[in-house]
C-alpha cells in the first residue's frame, strides 16, 4: 500500500511524515494542513500558487462549516458540475 502511512504525534506535538510521502517534498517547502471534521489533508503550497491554495483552504473550511450547520442544498449532478466549473 503506497498511499497509506501511520504516524504518531510526540509530546511536543510534532509528527514525522513517512519517507514514502516525503520523496516529492523539498527541504523548507511550505505545506498546507486542512482539517475537515475528523480528517486532515496535507497539501503542497507552492509559492507561486500560495494565494490560490489559501483561498481553497478557506473555501473548504467555510463549506464544512455550512454543511455542519445544515446550510446546504441538493442539486442534480449536471447543475453541480456547472457550479463547480465556476470555481
PDB file of N, CA and C in Angstrom:
ATOM      1  N   UNK A   1       0.841  -1.183   0.000  1.00  0.00           N
ATOM      2  CA  UNK A   1       0.000   0.000   0.000  1.00  0.00           C
ATOM      3  C   UNK A   1       0.879   1.237   0.000  1.00  0.00           C
ATOM      4  N   UNK A   2       0.989   1.875  -1.112  1.00  0.00           N
ATOM      5  CA  UNK A   2       1.862   3.033  -1.254  1.00  0.00           C
ATOM      6  C   UNK A   2       1.269   4.310  -0.663  1.00  0.00           C
ATOM      7  N   UNK A   3      -0.050   4.407  -0.581  1.00  0.00           N
ATOM      8  CA  UNK A   3      -0.691   5.660  -0.213  1.00  0.00           C
ATOM      9  C   UNK A   3      -1.193   5.709   1.218  1.00  0.00           C
ATOM     10  N   UNK A   4      -0.713   4.807   2.071  1.00  0.00           N
ATOM     11  CA  UNK A   4      -1.141   4.801   3.460  1.00  0.00           C
ATOM     12  C   UNK A   4       0.096   4.804   4.348  1.00  0.00           C
ATOM     13  N   UNK A   5       0.096   5.652   5.335  1.00  0.00           N
ATOM     14  CA  UNK A   5       1.188   5.698   6.301  1.00  0.00           C
ATOM     15  C   UNK A   5       0.621   5.931   7.682  1.00  0.00           C
ATOM     16  N   UNK A   6       1.297   5.445   8.687  1.00  0.00           N
ATOM     17  CA  UNK A   6       0.863   5.642  10.063  1.00  0.00           C
ATOM     18  C   UNK A   6       1.878   6.549  10.740  1.00  0.00           C
ATOM     19  N   UNK A   7       1.379   7.573  11.418  1.00  0.00           N
ATOM     20  CA  UNK A   7       2.259   8.496  12.128  1.00  0.00           C
ATOM     21  C   UNK A   7       1.770   8.642  13.557  1.00  0.00           C
ATOM     22  N   UNK A   8       2.643   9.102  14.410  1.00  0.00           N
ATOM     23  CA  UNK A   8       2.310   9.303  15.819  1.00  0.00           C
ATOM     24  C   UNK A   8       2.834  10.672  16.236  1.00  0.00           C
ATOM     25  N   UNK A   9       2.013  11.416  16.955  1.00  0.00           N
ATOM     26  CA  UNK A   9       2.440  12.718  17.427  1.00  0.00           C
ATOM     27  C   UNK A   9       3.227  12.532  18.722  1.00  0.00           C
ATOM     28  N   UNK A  10       4.367  13.237  18.831  1.00  0.00           N
ATOM     29  CA  UNK A  10       5.163  13.125  20.054  1.00  0.00           C
ATOM     30  C   UNK A  10       4.683  14.137  21.096  1.00  0.00           C
ATOM     31  N   UNK A  11       5.336  14.169  22.235  1.00  0.00           N
ATOM     32  CA  UNK A  11       4.911  15.032  23.337  1.00  0.00           C
ATOM     33  C   UNK A  11       5.015  16.520  23.011  1.00  0.00           C
ATOM     34  N   UNK A  12       5.789  16.876  21.983  1.00  0.00           N
ATOM     35  CA  UNK A  12       5.921  18.276  21.568  1.00  0.00           C
ATOM     36  C   UNK A  12       4.935  18.648  20.457  1.00  0.00           C
ATOM     37  N   UNK A  13       4.055  17.713  20.084  1.00  0.00           N
ATOM     38  CA  UNK A  13       3.085  17.977  19.031  1.00  0.00           C
ATOM     39  C   UNK A  13       3.655  17.812  17.637  1.00  0.00           C
ATOM     40  N   UNK A  14       4.790  17.178  17.522  1.00  0.00           N
ATOM     41  CA  UNK A  14       5.448  17.002  16.228  1.00  0.00           C
ATOM     42  C   UNK A  14       5.137  15.623  15.649  1.00  0.00           C
ATOM     43  N   UNK A  15       5.067  15.571  14.329  1.00  0.00           N
ATOM     44  CA  UNK A  15       4.891  14.303  13.626  1.00  0.00           C
ATOM     45  C   UNK A  15       5.944  14.210  12.527  1.00  0.00           C
ATOM     46  N   UNK A  16       6.264  13.011  12.145  1.00  0.00           N
ATOM     47  CA  UNK A  16       7.198  12.792  11.048  1.00  0.00           C
ATOM     48  C   UNK A  16       6.414  12.242   9.872  1.00  0.00           C
ATOM     49  N   UNK A  17       6.577  12.879   8.722  1.00  0.00           N
ATOM     50  CA  UNK A  17       5.912  12.404   7.508  1.00  0.00           C
ATOM     51  C   UNK A  17       6.683  11.173   7.026  1.00  0.00           C
ATOM     52  N   UNK A  18       5.988  10.048   6.789  1.00  0.00           N
ATOM     53  CA  UNK A  18       6.683   8.842   6.339  1.00  0.00           C
ATOM     54  C   UNK A  18       7.489   9.090   5.059  1.00  0.00           C
ATOM     55  N   UNK A  19       8.604   8.402   4.943  1.00  0.00           N
ATOM     56  CA  UNK A  19       9.543   8.582   3.835  1.00  0.00           C
ATOM     57  C   UNK A  19       8.864   8.486   2.467  1.00  0.00           C
ATOM     58  N   UNK A  20       7.967   7.545   2.313  1.00  0.00           N
ATOM     59  CA  UNK A  20       7.305   7.372   1.017  1.00  0.00           C
ATOM     60  C   UNK A  20       6.564   8.646   0.589  1.00  0.00           C
ATOM     61  N   UNK A  21       6.093   9.435   1.549  1.00  0.00           N
ATOM     62  CA  UNK A  21       5.376  10.666   1.233  1.00  0.00           C
ATOM     63  C   UNK A  21       6.316  11.863   1.089  1.00  0.00           C
ATOM     64  N   UNK A  22       7.503  11.775   1.659  1.00  0.00           N
ATOM     65  CA  UNK A  22       8.454  12.888   1.620  1.00  0.00           C
ATOM     66  C   UNK A  22       9.241  12.968   0.325  1.00  0.00           C
ATOM     67  N   UNK A  23       9.224  11.948  -0.466  1.00  0.00           N
ATOM     68  CA  UNK A  23      10.069  11.894  -1.666  1.00  0.00           C
ATOM     69  C   UNK A  23       9.912  13.098  -2.582  1.00  0.00           C
ATOM     70  N   UNK A  24       8.717  13.637  -2.697  1.00  0.00           N
ATOM     71  CA  UNK A  24       8.482  14.769  -3.604  1.00  0.00           C
ATOM     72  C   UNK A  24       8.355  16.098  -2.871  1.00  0.00           C
ATOM     73  N   UNK A  25       8.800  16.133  -1.629  1.00  0.00           N
ATOM     74  CA  UNK A  25       8.758  17.368  -0.852  1.00  0.00           C
ATOM     75  C   UNK A  25      10.191  17.838  -0.632  1.00  0.00           C
ATOM     76  N   UNK A  26      10.445  19.073  -1.020  1.00  0.00           N
ATOM     77  CA  UNK A  26      11.794  19.641  -0.873  1.00  0.00           C
ATOM     78  C   UNK A  26      11.982  20.240   0.517  1.00  0.00           C
ATOM     79  N   UNK A  27      13.223  20.352   0.932  1.00  0.00           N
ATOM     80  CA  UNK A  27      13.549  20.966   2.211  1.00  0.00           C
ATOM     81  C   UNK A  27      12.999  22.397   2.243  1.00  0.00           C
ATOM     82  N   UNK A  28      12.388  22.775   3.326  1.00  0.00           N
ATOM     83  CA  UNK A  28      11.798  24.100   3.554  1.00  0.00           C
ATOM     84  C   UNK A  28      10.591  24.401   2.675  1.00  0.00           C
ATOM     85  N   UNK A  29      10.058  23.407   1.998  1.00  0.00           N
ATOM     86  CA  UNK A  29       8.849  23.621   1.191  1.00  0.00           C
ATOM     87  C   UNK A  29       7.659  23.840   2.122  1.00  0.00           C
ATOM     88  N   UNK A  30       6.777  24.725   1.734  1.00  0.00           N
ATOM     89  CA  UNK A  30       5.617  25.055   2.554  1.00  0.00           C
ATOM     90  C   UNK A  30       4.488  24.083   2.245  1.00  0.00           C
ATOM     91  N   UNK A  31       3.859  23.590   3.313  1.00  0.00           N
ATOM     92  CA  UNK A  31       2.723  22.682   3.186  1.00  0.00           C
ATOM     93  C   UNK A  31       1.522  23.292   3.886  1.00  0.00           C
ATOM     94  N   UNK A  32       0.354  23.055   3.336  1.00  0.00           N
ATOM     95  CA  UNK A  32      -0.894  23.486   3.972  1.00  0.00           C
ATOM     96  C   UNK A  32      -1.503  22.279   4.666  1.00  0.00           C
ATOM     97  N   UNK A  33      -2.051  22.489   5.850  1.00  0.00           N
ATOM     98  CA  UNK A  33      -2.759  21.437   6.552  1.00  0.00           C
ATOM     99  C   UNK A  33      -4.189  21.910   6.740  1.00  0.00           C
ATOM    100  N   UNK A  34      -5.132  21.120   6.274  1.00  0.00           N
ATOM    101  CA  UNK A  34      -6.543  21.488   6.327  1.00  0.00           C
ATOM    102  C   UNK A  34      -7.289  20.404   7.096  1.00  0.00           C
ATOM    103  N   UNK A  35      -8.017  20.816   8.134  1.00  0.00           N
ATOM    104  CA  UNK A  35      -8.799  19.848   8.890  1.00  0.00           C
ATOM    105  C   UNK A  35     -10.243  19.896   8.429  1.00  0.00           C
ATOM    106  N   UNK A  36     -10.812  18.728   8.152  1.00  0.00           N
ATOM    107  CA  UNK A  36     -12.215  18.592   7.793  1.00  0.00           C
ATOM    108  C   UNK A  36     -12.800  17.526   8.703  1.00  0.00           C
ATOM    109  N   UNK A  37     -13.593  17.949   9.631  1.00  0.00           N
ATOM    110  CA  UNK A  37     -14.164  17.038  10.625  1.00  0.00           C
ATOM    111  C   UNK A  37     -13.073  16.199  11.266  1.00  0.00           C
ATOM    112  N   UNK A  38     -13.075  14.899  10.997  1.00  0.00           N
ATOM    113  CA  UNK A  38     -12.095  14.004  11.621  1.00  0.00           C
ATOM    114  C   UNK A  38     -10.938  13.650  10.705  1.00  0.00           C
ATOM    115  N   UNK A  39     -10.777  14.367   9.604  1.00  0.00           N
ATOM    116  CA  UNK A  39      -9.666  14.069   8.704  1.00  0.00           C
ATOM    117  C   UNK A  39      -8.789  15.300   8.515  1.00  0.00           C
ATOM    118  N   UNK A  40      -7.529  15.058   8.175  1.00  0.00           N
ATOM    119  CA  UNK A  40      -6.578  16.134   7.945  1.00  0.00           C
ATOM    120  C   UNK A  40      -5.953  15.924   6.570  1.00  0.00           C
ATOM    121  N   UNK A  41      -5.942  16.975   5.760  1.00  0.00           N
ATOM    122  CA  UNK A  41      -5.332  16.922   4.438  1.00  0.00           C
ATOM    123  C   UNK A  41      -4.052  17.740   4.472  1.00  0.00           C
ATOM    124  N   UNK A  42      -2.988  17.163   3.972  1.00  0.00           N
ATOM    125  CA  UNK A  42      -1.707  17.852   3.879  1.00  0.00           C
ATOM    126  C   UNK A  42      -1.434  18.063   2.404  1.00  0.00           C
ATOM    127  N   UNK A  43      -1.188  19.316   2.020  1.00  0.00           N
ATOM    128  CA  UNK A  43      -1.051  19.652   0.610  1.00  0.00           C
ATOM    129  C   UNK A  43       0.132  20.579   0.396  1.00  0.00           C
ATOM    130  N   UNK A  44       0.858  20.363  -0.695  1.00  0.00           N
ATOM    131  CA  UNK A  44       1.947  21.273  -1.039  1.00  0.00           C
ATOM    132  C   UNK A  44       1.361  22.643  -1.370  1.00  0.00           C
ATOM    133  N   UNK A  45       2.058  23.682  -0.958  1.00  0.00           N
ATOM    134  CA  UNK A  45       1.611  25.045  -1.245  1.00  0.00           C
ATOM    135  C   UNK A  45       2.764  25.762  -1.936  1.00  0.00           C
ATOM    136  N   UNK A  46       2.798  25.680  -3.247  1.00  0.00           N
ATOM    137  CA  UNK A  46       3.878  26.338  -3.978  1.00  0.00           C
ATOM    138  C   UNK A  46       3.769  27.843  -3.797  1.00  0.00           C
ATOM    139  N   UNK A  47       4.898  28.515  -3.745  1.00  0.00           N
ATOM    140  CA  UNK A  47       4.887  29.961  -3.518  1.00  0.00           C
ATOM    141  C   UNK A  47       4.154  30.697  -4.629  1.00  0.00           C
ATOM    142  N   UNK A  48       4.197  30.164  -5.845  1.00  0.00           N
ATOM    143  CA  UNK A  48       3.507  30.803  -6.964  1.00  0.00           C
ATOM    144  C   UNK A  48       1.994  30.730  -6.796  1.00  0.00           C
ATOM    145  N   UNK A  49       1.544  29.675  -6.164  1.00  0.00           N
ATOM    146  CA  UNK A  49       0.101  29.478  -6.033  1.00  0.00           C
ATOM    147  C   UNK A  49      -0.378  29.608  -4.590  1.00  0.00           C
ATOM    148  N   UNK A  50       0.427  30.189  -3.734  1.00  0.00           N
ATOM    149  CA  UNK A  50       0.079  30.269  -2.321  1.00  0.00           C
ATOM    150  C   UNK A  50      -1.280  30.931  -2.110  1.00  0.00           C
ATOM    151  N   UNK A  51      -1.544  32.020  -2.780  1.00  0.00           N
ATOM    152  CA  UNK A  51      -2.824  32.710  -2.612  1.00  0.00           C
ATOM    153  C   UNK A  51      -3.984  31.813  -3.012  1.00  0.00           C
ATOM    154  N   UNK A  52      -3.820  31.083  -4.105  1.00  0.00           N
ATOM    155  CA  UNK A  52      -4.873  30.165  -4.549  1.00  0.00           C
ATOM    156  C   UNK A  52      -5.059  29.035  -3.543  1.00  0.00           C
ATOM    157  N   UNK A  53      -3.958  28.512  -3.033  1.00  0.00           N
ATOM    158  CA  UNK A  53      -4.030  27.430  -2.061  1.00  0.00           C
ATOM    159  C   UNK A  53      -4.721  27.877  -0.779  1.00  0.00           C
ATOM    160  N   UNK A  54      -4.396  29.078  -0.322  1.00  0.00           N
ATOM    161  CA  UNK A  54      -5.039  29.599   0.880  1.00  0.00           C
ATOM    162  C   UNK A  54      -6.525  29.866   0.645  1.00  0.00           C
ATOM    163  N   UNK A  55      -6.844  30.345  -0.545  1.00  0.00           N
ATOM    164  CA  UNK A  55      -8.241  30.581  -0.894  1.00  0.00           C
ATOM    165  C   UNK A  55      -9.010  29.262  -0.881  1.00  0.00           C
ATOM    166  N   UNK A  56      -8.404  28.204  -1.442  1.00  0.00           N
ATOM    167  CA  UNK A  56      -9.029  26.892  -1.432  1.00  0.00           C
ATOM    168  C   UNK A  56      -9.215  26.391  -0.008  1.00  0.00           C
ATOM    169  N   UNK A  57      -8.210  26.578   0.833  1.00  0.00           N
ATOM    170  CA  UNK A  57      -8.301  26.145   2.223  1.00  0.00           C
ATOM    171  C   UNK A  57      -9.439  26.875   2.940  1.00  0.00           C
ATOM    172  N   UNK A  58      -9.544  28.171   2.697  1.00  0.00           N
ATOM    173  CA  UNK A  58     -10.601  28.961   3.314  1.00  0.00           C
ATOM    174  C   UNK A  58     -11.980  28.500   2.834  1.00  0.00           C
ATOM    175  N   UNK A  59     -12.122  28.312   1.518  1.00  0.00           N
ATOM    176  CA  UNK A  59     -13.405  27.873   0.971  1.00  0.00           C
ATOM    177  C   UNK A  59     -13.799  26.499   1.511  1.00  0.00           C
ATOM    178  N   UNK A  60     -12.814  25.622   1.632  1.00  0.00           N
ATOM    179  CA  UNK A  60     -13.081  24.289   2.152  1.00  0.00           C
ATOM    180  C   UNK A  60     -13.572  24.364   3.591  1.00  0.00           C
ATOM    181  N   UNK A  61     -12.904  25.164   4.397  1.00  0.00           N
ATOM    182  CA  UNK A  61     -13.298  25.323   5.796  1.00  0.00           C
ATOM    183  C   UNK A  61     -14.707  25.899   5.904  1.00  0.00           C
ATOM    184  N   UNK A  62     -14.995  26.918   5.110  1.00  0.00           N
ATOM    185  CA  UNK A  62     -16.319  27.528   5.132  1.00  0.00           C
ATOM    186  C   UNK A  62     -17.395  26.542   4.678  1.00  0.00           C
ATOM    187  N   UNK A  63     -17.089  25.755   3.667  1.00  0.00           N
ATOM    188  CA  UNK A  63     -18.058  24.771   3.169  1.00  0.00           C
ATOM    189  C   UNK A  63     -18.384  23.741   4.253  1.00  0.00           C
ATOM    190  N   UNK A  64     -17.361  23.243   4.954  1.00  0.00           N
ATOM    191  CA  UNK A  64     -17.607  22.266   6.020  1.00  0.00           C
ATOM    192  C   UNK A  64     -18.424  22.875   7.149  1.00  0.00           C
ATOM    193  N   UNK A  65     -18.192  24.137   7.461  1.00  0.00           N
ATOM    194  CA  UNK A  65     -18.985  24.802   8.499  1.00  0.00           C
ATOM    195  C   UNK A  65     -20.449  24.863   8.090  1.00  0.00           C
ATOM    196  N   UNK A  66     -20.698  25.208   6.823  1.00  0.00           N
ATOM    197  CA  UNK A  66     -22.071  25.292   6.335  1.00  0.00           C
ATOM    198  C   UNK A  66     -22.749  23.926   6.332  1.00  0.00           C
ATOM    199  N   UNK A  67     -22.000  22.898   5.956  1.00  0.00           N
ATOM    200  CA  UNK A  67     -22.564  21.548   5.963  1.00  0.00           C
ATOM    201  C   UNK A  67     -22.934  21.146   7.389  1.00  0.00           C
ATOM    202  N   UNK A  68     -22.034  21.410   8.337  1.00  0.00           N
ATOM    203  CA  UNK A  68     -22.298  21.066   9.737  1.00  0.00           C
ATOM    204  C   UNK A  68     -23.496  21.818  10.293  1.00  0.00           C
ATOM    205  N   UNK A  69     -23.753  23.022   9.791  1.00  0.00           N
ATOM    206  CA  UNK A  69     -24.882  23.829  10.250  1.00  0.00           C
ATOM    207  C   UNK A  69     -26.161  23.525   9.468  1.00  0.00           C
ATOM    208  N   UNK A  70     -26.088  22.593   8.522  1.00  0.00           N
ATOM    209  CA  UNK A  70     -27.260  22.240   7.724  1.00  0.00           C
ATOM    210  C   UNK A  70     -27.595  23.254   6.648  1.00  0.00           C
ATOM    211  N   UNK A  71     -26.641  24.128   6.305  1.00  0.00           N
ATOM    212  CA  UNK A  71     -26.861  25.162   5.288  1.00  0.00           C
ATOM    213  C   UNK A  71     -26.317  24.697   3.944  1.00  0.00           C
ATOM    214  N   UNK A  72     -26.979  23.744   3.361  1.00  0.00           N
ATOM    215  CA  UNK A  72     -26.573  23.256   2.057  1.00  0.00           C
ATOM    216  C   UNK A  72     -27.826  22.878   1.278  1.00  0.00           C
ATOM    217  N   UNK A  73     -27.666  22.656   0.013  1.00  0.00           N
ATOM    218  CA  UNK A  73     -28.821  22.285  -0.800  1.00  0.00           C
ATOM    219  C   UNK A  73     -28.443  21.115  -1.697  1.00  0.00           C
ATOM    220  N   UNK A  74     -29.437  20.404  -2.123  1.00  0.00           N
ATOM    221  CA  UNK A  74     -29.194  19.299  -3.044  1.00  0.00           C
ATOM    222  C   UNK A  74     -29.469  19.798  -4.463  1.00  0.00           C
ATOM    223  N   UNK A  75     -28.792  19.205  -5.418  1.00  0.00           N
ATOM    224  CA  UNK A  75     -28.997  19.572  -6.815  1.00  0.00           C
ATOM    225  C   UNK A  75     -28.636  18.401  -7.713  1.00  0.00           C
ATOM    226  N   UNK A  76     -29.069  18.499  -8.940  1.00  0.00           N
ATOM    227  CA  UNK A  76     -28.752  17.463  -9.922  1.00  0.00           C
ATOM    228  C   UNK A  76     -27.256  17.506 -10.223  1.00  0.00           C
ATOM    229  N   UNK A  77     -26.725  16.366 -10.616  1.00  0.00           N
ATOM    230  CA  UNK A  77     -25.302  16.260 -10.918  1.00  0.00           C
ATOM    231  C   UNK A  77     -24.895  17.282 -11.973  1.00  0.00           C
ATOM    232  N   UNK A  78     -25.700  17.440 -12.996  1.00  0.00           N
ATOM    233  CA  UNK A  78     -25.372  18.374 -14.072  1.00  0.00           C
ATOM    234  C   UNK A  78     -25.260  19.803 -13.552  1.00  0.00           C
ATOM    235  N   UNK A  79     -26.180  20.180 -12.673  1.00  0.00           N
ATOM    236  CA  UNK A  79     -26.149  21.522 -12.085  1.00  0.00           C
ATOM    237  C   UNK A  79     -24.933  21.701 -11.186  1.00  0.00           C
ATOM    238  N   UNK A  80     -24.607  20.644 -10.432  1.00  0.00           N
ATOM    239  CA  UNK A  80     -23.429  20.700  -9.565  1.00  0.00           C
ATOM    240  C   UNK A  80     -22.156  20.901 -10.384  1.00  0.00           C
ATOM    241  N   UNK A  81     -22.036  20.180 -11.479  1.00  0.00           N
ATOM    242  CA  UNK A  81     -20.847  20.305 -12.320  1.00  0.00           C
ATOM    243  C   UNK A  81     -20.734  21.699 -12.926  1.00  0.00           C
ATOM    244  N   UNK A  82     -21.854  22.304 -13.265  1.00  0.00           N
ATOM    245  CA  UNK A  82     -21.845  23.681 -13.775  1.00  0.00           C
ATOM    246  C   UNK A  82     -21.342  24.646 -12.691  1.00  0.00           C
ATOM    247  N   UNK A  83     -21.821  24.463 -11.481  1.00  0.00           N
ATOM    248  CA  UNK A  83     -21.374  25.304 -10.365  1.00  0.00           C
ATOM    249  C   UNK A  83     -19.888  25.092 -10.080  1.00  0.00           C
ATOM    250  N   UNK A  84     -19.452  23.855 -10.156  1.00  0.00           N
ATOM    251  CA  UNK A  84     -18.061  23.528  -9.899  1.00  0.00           C
ATOM    252  C   UNK A  84     -17.126  24.200 -10.897  1.00  0.00           C
ATOM    253  N   UNK A  85     -17.547  24.310 -12.147  1.00  0.00           N
ATOM    254  CA  UNK A  85     -16.716  24.974 -13.169  1.00  0.00           C
ATOM    255  C   UNK A  85     -16.521  26.461 -12.869  1.00  0.00           C
ATOM    256  N   UNK A  86     -17.441  27.053 -12.142  1.00  0.00           N
ATOM    257  CA  UNK A  86     -17.325  28.478 -11.782  1.00  0.00           C
ATOM    258  C   UNK A  86     -16.199  28.716 -10.791  1.00  0.00           C
ATOM    259  N   UNK A  87     -15.810  27.705 -10.025  1.00  0.00           N
ATOM    260  CA  UNK A  87     -14.747  27.839  -9.042  1.00  0.00           C
ATOM    261  C   UNK A  87     -13.445  27.998  -9.741  1.00  0.00           C
TER     262      UNK A  87
END
